[in-house]
Amino acid sequence: MSSTLQTLIALGLVALALAFLLRSWFGNKKSSGCESAGCSAVSPEVKKLQAKLKR
């Protein structure tokens, strides 16, 4: 394998790694709070209201 081909392959791998890091840094951030639809933290008052509405 020639040194030119090895250099191109190495530069390609570095470019892919850089693209992956930039995507993870600047990509969409997921919300970690309870504003998301899948929040499992439910207060006792909400649990009481849900039980009352099921009846």
PDB file of N, CA and C in Angstrom:
ATOM      1  N   MET A   1       0.862  -1.167   0.000  1.00  0.00           N
ATOM      2  CA  MET A   1       0.000   0.000   0.000  1.00  0.00           C
ATOM      3  C   MET A   1       0.913   1.237   0.000  1.00  0.00           C
ATOM      4  N   SER A   2       0.606   2.161  -0.851  1.00  0.00           N
ATOM      5  CA  SER A   2       1.463   3.339  -0.964  1.00  0.00           C
ATOM      6  C   SER A   2       1.212   4.305   0.192  1.00  0.00           C
ATOM      7  N   SER A   3       2.199   5.126   0.466  1.00  0.00           N
ATOM      8  CA  SER A   3       2.079   6.077   1.575  1.00  0.00           C
ATOM      9  C   SER A   3       1.027   7.139   1.280  1.00  0.00           C
ATOM     10  N   THR A   4       0.830   7.455   0.021  1.00  0.00           N
ATOM     11  CA  THR A   4      -0.195   8.441  -0.349  1.00  0.00           C
ATOM     12  C   THR A   4      -1.588   7.908  -0.034  1.00  0.00           C
ATOM     13  N   LEU A   5      -1.822   6.629  -0.349  1.00  0.00           N
ATOM     14  CA  LEU A   5      -3.121   6.014  -0.060  1.00  0.00           C
ATOM     15  C   LEU A   5      -3.353   5.930   1.442  1.00  0.00           C
ATOM     16  N   GLN A   6      -2.321   5.582   2.194  1.00  0.00           N
ATOM     17  CA  GLN A   6      -2.450   5.516   3.652  1.00  0.00           C
ATOM     18  C   GLN A   6      -2.776   6.895   4.232  1.00  0.00           C
ATOM     19  N   THR A   7      -2.155   7.929   3.701  1.00  0.00           N
ATOM     20  CA  THR A   7      -2.416   9.287   4.165  1.00  0.00           C
ATOM     21  C   THR A   7      -3.854   9.693   3.875  1.00  0.00           C
ATOM     22  N   LEU A   8      -4.340   9.363   2.689  1.00  0.00           N
ATOM     23  CA  LEU A   8      -5.721   9.702   2.340  1.00  0.00           C
ATOM     24  C   LEU A   8      -6.726   8.959   3.216  1.00  0.00           C
ATOM     25  N   ILE A   9      -6.452   7.691   3.477  1.00  0.00           N
ATOM     26  CA  ILE A   9      -7.344   6.908   4.346  1.00  0.00           C
ATOM     27  C   ILE A   9      -7.340   7.489   5.761  1.00  0.00           C
ATOM     28  N   ALA A  10      -6.167   7.838   6.281  1.00  0.00           N
ATOM     29  CA  ALA A  10      -6.076   8.412   7.626  1.00  0.00           C
ATOM     30  C   ALA A  10      -6.806   9.753   7.700  1.00  0.00           C
ATOM     31  N   LEU A  11      -6.639  10.584   6.689  1.00  0.00           N
ATOM     32  CA  LEU A  11      -7.343  11.869   6.676  1.00  0.00           C
ATOM     33  C   LEU A  11      -8.857  11.676   6.584  1.00  0.00           C
ATOM     34  N   GLY A  12      -9.283  10.683   5.843  1.00  0.00           N
ATOM     35  CA  GLY A  12     -10.711  10.384   5.760  1.00  0.00           C
ATOM     36  C   GLY A  12     -11.278   9.948   7.101  1.00  0.00           C
ATOM     37  N   LEU A  13     -10.525   9.099   7.821  1.00  0.00           N
ATOM     38  CA  LEU A  13     -10.980   8.660   9.149  1.00  0.00           C
ATOM     39  C   LEU A  13     -11.034   9.825  10.136  1.00  0.00           C
ATOM     40  N   VAL A  14     -10.046  10.694  10.071  1.00  0.00           N
ATOM     41  CA  VAL A  14     -10.050  11.865  10.952  1.00  0.00           C
ATOM     42  C   VAL A  14     -11.230  12.770  10.616  1.00  0.00           C
ATOM     43  N   ALA A  15     -11.527  12.943   9.347  1.00  0.00           N
ATOM     44  CA  ALA A  15     -12.664  13.770   8.943  1.00  0.00           C
ATOM     45  C   ALA A  15     -13.980  13.163   9.427  1.00  0.00           C
ATOM     46  N   LEU A  16     -14.118  11.845   9.347  1.00  0.00           N
ATOM     47  CA  LEU A  16     -15.336  11.193   9.841  1.00  0.00           C
ATOM     48  C   LEU A  16     -15.484  11.362  11.352  1.00  0.00           C
ATOM     49  N   ALA A  17     -14.387  11.203  12.082  1.00  0.00           N
ATOM     50  CA  ALA A  17     -14.433  11.369  13.534  1.00  0.00           C
ATOM     51  C   ALA A  17     -14.789  12.805  13.901  1.00  0.00           C
ATOM     52  N   LEU A  18     -14.218  13.764  13.181  1.00  0.00           N
ATOM     53  CA  LEU A  18     -14.521  15.171  13.439  1.00  0.00           C
ATOM     54  C   LEU A  18     -15.989  15.474  13.147  1.00  0.00           C
ATOM     55  N   ALA A  19     -16.501  14.927  12.059  1.00  0.00           N
ATOM     56  CA  ALA A  19     -17.908  15.146  11.724  1.00  0.00           C
ATOM     57  C   ALA A  19     -18.816  14.558  12.803  1.00  0.00           C
ATOM     58  N   PHE A  20     -18.479  13.390  13.315  1.00  0.00           N
ATOM     59  CA  PHE A  20     -19.278  12.762  14.378  1.00  0.00           C
ATOM     60  C   PHE A  20     -19.259  13.614  15.648  1.00  0.00           C
ATOM     61  N   LEU A  21     -18.083  14.116  16.023  1.00  0.00           N
ATOM     62  CA  LEU A  21     -17.993  14.947  17.221  1.00  0.00           C
ATOM     63  C   LEU A  21     -18.757  16.253  17.065  1.00  0.00           C
ATOM     64  N   LEU A  22     -18.623  16.888  15.917  1.00  0.00           N
ATOM     65  CA  LEU A  22     -19.345  18.140  15.693  1.00  0.00           C
ATOM     66  C   LEU A  22     -20.847  17.917  15.693  1.00  0.00           C
ATOM     67  N   ARG A  23     -21.289  16.800  15.139  1.00  0.00           N
ATOM     68  CA  ARG A  23     -22.728  16.503  15.133  1.00  0.00           C
ATOM     69  C   ARG A  23     -23.238  16.301  16.558  1.00  0.00           C
ATOM     70  N   SER A  24     -22.457  15.626  17.397  1.00  0.00           N
ATOM     71  CA  SER A  24     -22.910  15.394  18.765  1.00  0.00           C
ATOM     72  C   SER A  24     -22.866  16.676  19.597  1.00  0.00           C
ATOM     73  N   TRP A  25     -21.915  17.566  19.312  1.00  0.00           N
ATOM     74  CA  TRP A  25     -21.831  18.815  20.065  1.00  0.00           C
ATOM     75  C   TRP A  25     -22.892  19.812  19.644  1.00  0.00           C
ATOM     76  N   PHE A  26     -23.132  19.937  18.349  1.00  0.00           N
ATOM     77  CA  PHE A  26     -24.032  20.981  17.847  1.00  0.00           C
ATOM     78  C   PHE A  26     -25.382  20.445  17.408  1.00  0.00           C
ATOM     79  N   GLY A  27     -25.632  19.164  17.568  1.00  0.00           N
ATOM     80  CA  GLY A  27     -26.906  18.578  17.160  1.00  0.00           C
ATOM     81  C   GLY A  27     -28.019  18.970  18.106  1.00  0.00           C
ATOM     82  N   ASN A  28     -29.190  18.432  17.855  1.00  0.00           N
ATOM     83  CA  ASN A  28     -30.349  18.714  18.700  1.00  0.00           C
ATOM     84  C   ASN A  28     -30.109  18.178  20.099  1.00  0.00           C
ATOM     85  N   LYS A  29     -30.400  18.997  21.060  1.00  0.00           N
ATOM     86  CA  LYS A  29     -30.273  18.597  22.455  1.00  0.00           C
ATOM     87  C   LYS A  29     -31.613  18.059  22.930  1.00  0.00           C
ATOM     88  N   LYS A  30     -31.562  16.919  23.583  1.00  0.00           N
ATOM     89  CA  LYS A  30     -32.793  16.348  24.124  1.00  0.00           C
ATOM     90  C   LYS A  30     -33.074  16.970  25.483  1.00  0.00           C
ATOM     91  N   SER A  31     -34.321  17.242  25.736  1.00  0.00           N
ATOM     92  CA  SER A  31     -34.723  17.828  26.999  1.00  0.00           C
ATOM     93  C   SER A  31     -34.656  16.763  28.091  1.00  0.00           C
ATOM     94  N   SER A  32     -34.070  17.113  29.214  1.00  0.00           N
ATOM     95  CA  SER A  32     -33.972  16.151  30.302  1.00  0.00           C
ATOM     96  C   SER A  32     -35.000  16.422  31.396  1.00  0.00           C
ATOM     97  N   GLY A  33     -35.768  17.483  31.236  1.00  0.00           N
ATOM     98  CA  GLY A  33     -36.761  17.833  32.241  1.00  0.00           C
ATOM     99  C   GLY A  33     -38.093  17.166  31.992  1.00  0.00           C
ATOM    100  N   CYS A  34     -39.067  17.531  32.749  1.00  0.00           N
ATOM    101  CA  CYS A  34     -40.392  16.932  32.633  1.00  0.00           C
ATOM    102  C   CYS A  34     -41.246  17.606  31.571  1.00  0.00           C
ATOM    103  N   GLU A  35     -40.660  18.497  30.786  1.00  0.00           N
ATOM    104  CA  GLU A  35     -41.436  19.097  29.705  1.00  0.00           C
ATOM    105  C   GLU A  35     -41.683  18.084  28.592  1.00  0.00           C
ATOM    106  N   SER A  36     -40.875  17.045  28.548  1.00  0.00           N
ATOM    107  CA  SER A  36     -41.047  16.029  27.500  1.00  0.00           C
ATOM    108  C   SER A  36     -42.259  15.167  27.814  1.00  0.00           C
ATOM    109  N   ALA A  37     -42.773  14.506  26.801  1.00  0.00           N
ATOM    110  CA  ALA A  37     -43.995  13.714  26.960  1.00  0.00           C
ATOM    111  C   ALA A  37     -43.778  12.465  27.792  1.00  0.00           C
ATOM    112  N   GLY A  38     -42.563  11.964  27.877  1.00  0.00           N
ATOM    113  CA  GLY A  38     -42.306  10.705  28.569  1.00  0.00           C
ATOM    114  C   GLY A  38     -41.826  10.863  29.987  1.00  0.00           C
ATOM    115  N   CYS A  39     -42.192  11.940  30.656  1.00  0.00           N
ATOM    116  CA  CYS A  39     -41.728  12.153  32.023  1.00  0.00           C
ATOM    117  C   CYS A  39     -42.422  11.170  32.959  1.00  0.00           C
ATOM    118  N   SER A  40     -41.619  10.472  33.751  1.00  0.00           N
ATOM    119  CA  SER A  40     -42.199   9.477  34.650  1.00  0.00           C
ATOM    120  C   SER A  40     -42.393  10.020  36.065  1.00  0.00           C
ATOM    121  N   ALA A  41     -41.938  11.225  36.333  1.00  0.00           N
ATOM    122  CA  ALA A  41     -42.099  11.815  37.660  1.00  0.00           C
ATOM    123  C   ALA A  41     -43.480  12.447  37.751  1.00  0.00           C
ATOM    124  N   VAL A  42     -44.367  11.800  38.500  1.00  0.00           N
ATOM    125  CA  VAL A  42     -45.745  12.284  38.622  1.00  0.00           C
ATOM    126  C   VAL A  42     -46.003  12.582  40.089  1.00  0.00           C
ATOM    127  N   SER A  43     -46.516  13.760  40.356  1.00  0.00           N
ATOM    128  CA  SER A  43     -46.782  14.157  41.738  1.00  0.00           C
ATOM    129  C   SER A  43     -47.997  13.395  42.273  1.00  0.00           C
ATOM    130  N   PRO A  44     -48.110  13.308  43.578  1.00  0.00           N
ATOM    131  CA  PRO A  44     -49.257  12.613  44.177  1.00  0.00           C
ATOM    132  C   PRO A  44     -50.598  13.239  43.804  1.00  0.00           C
ATOM    133  N   GLU A  45     -50.605  14.566  43.636  1.00  0.00           N
ATOM    134  CA  GLU A  45     -51.855  15.231  43.270  1.00  0.00           C
ATOM    135  C   GLU A  45     -52.314  14.792  41.880  1.00  0.00           C
ATOM    136  N   VAL A  46     -51.370  14.657  40.975  1.00  0.00           N
ATOM    137  CA  VAL A  46     -51.712  14.231  39.618  1.00  0.00           C
ATOM    138  C   VAL A  46     -52.181  12.779  39.627  1.00  0.00           C
ATOM    139  N   LYS A  47     -51.552  11.952  40.443  1.00  0.00           N
ATOM    140  CA  LYS A  47     -51.978  10.553  40.548  1.00  0.00           C
ATOM    141  C   LYS A  47     -53.414  10.463  41.070  1.00  0.00           C
ATOM    142  N   LYS A  48     -53.744  11.292  42.053  1.00  0.00           N
ATOM    143  CA  LYS A  48     -55.112  11.303  42.585  1.00  0.00           C
ATOM    144  C   LYS A  48     -56.101  11.738  41.514  1.00  0.00           C
ATOM    145  N   LEU A  49     -55.733  12.768  40.747  1.00  0.00           N
ATOM    146  CA  LEU A  49     -56.608  13.253  39.691  1.00  0.00           C
ATOM    147  C   LEU A  49     -56.792  12.194  38.607  1.00  0.00           C
ATOM    148  N   GLN A  50     -55.725  11.494  38.247  1.00  0.00           N
ATOM    149  CA  GLN A  50     -55.832  10.438  37.248  1.00  0.00           C
ATOM    150  C   GLN A  50     -56.724   9.319  37.725  1.00  0.00           C
ATOM    151  N   ALA A  51     -56.601   8.940  39.000  1.00  0.00           N
ATOM    152  CA  ALA A  51     -57.449   7.885  39.550  1.00  0.00           C
ATOM    153  C   ALA A  51     -58.915   8.328  39.572  1.00  0.00           C
ATOM    154  N   LYS A  52     -59.150   9.595  39.888  1.00  0.00           N
ATOM    155  CA  LYS A  52     -60.511  10.120  39.935  1.00  0.00           C
ATOM    156  C   LYS A  52     -61.128  10.155  38.533  1.00  0.00           C
ATOM    157  N   LEU A  53     -60.333  10.511  37.532  1.00  0.00           N
ATOM    158  CA  LEU A  53     -60.839  10.584  36.163  1.00  0.00           C
ATOM    159  C   LEU A  53     -61.098   9.200  35.566  1.00  0.00           C
ATOM    160  N   LYS A  54     -60.413   8.181  36.050  1.00  0.00           N
ATOM    161  CA  LYS A  54     -60.624   6.822  35.521  1.00  0.00           C
ATOM    162  C   LYS A  54     -61.964   6.253  35.972  1.00  0.00           C
ATOM    163  N   ARG A  55     -62.478   6.736  37.080  1.00  0.00           N
ATOM    164  CA  ARG A  55     -63.756   6.224  37.610  1.00  0.00           C
ATOM    165  C   ARG A  55     -64.929   6.686  36.825  1.00  0.00           C
TER     166      ARG A  55
END
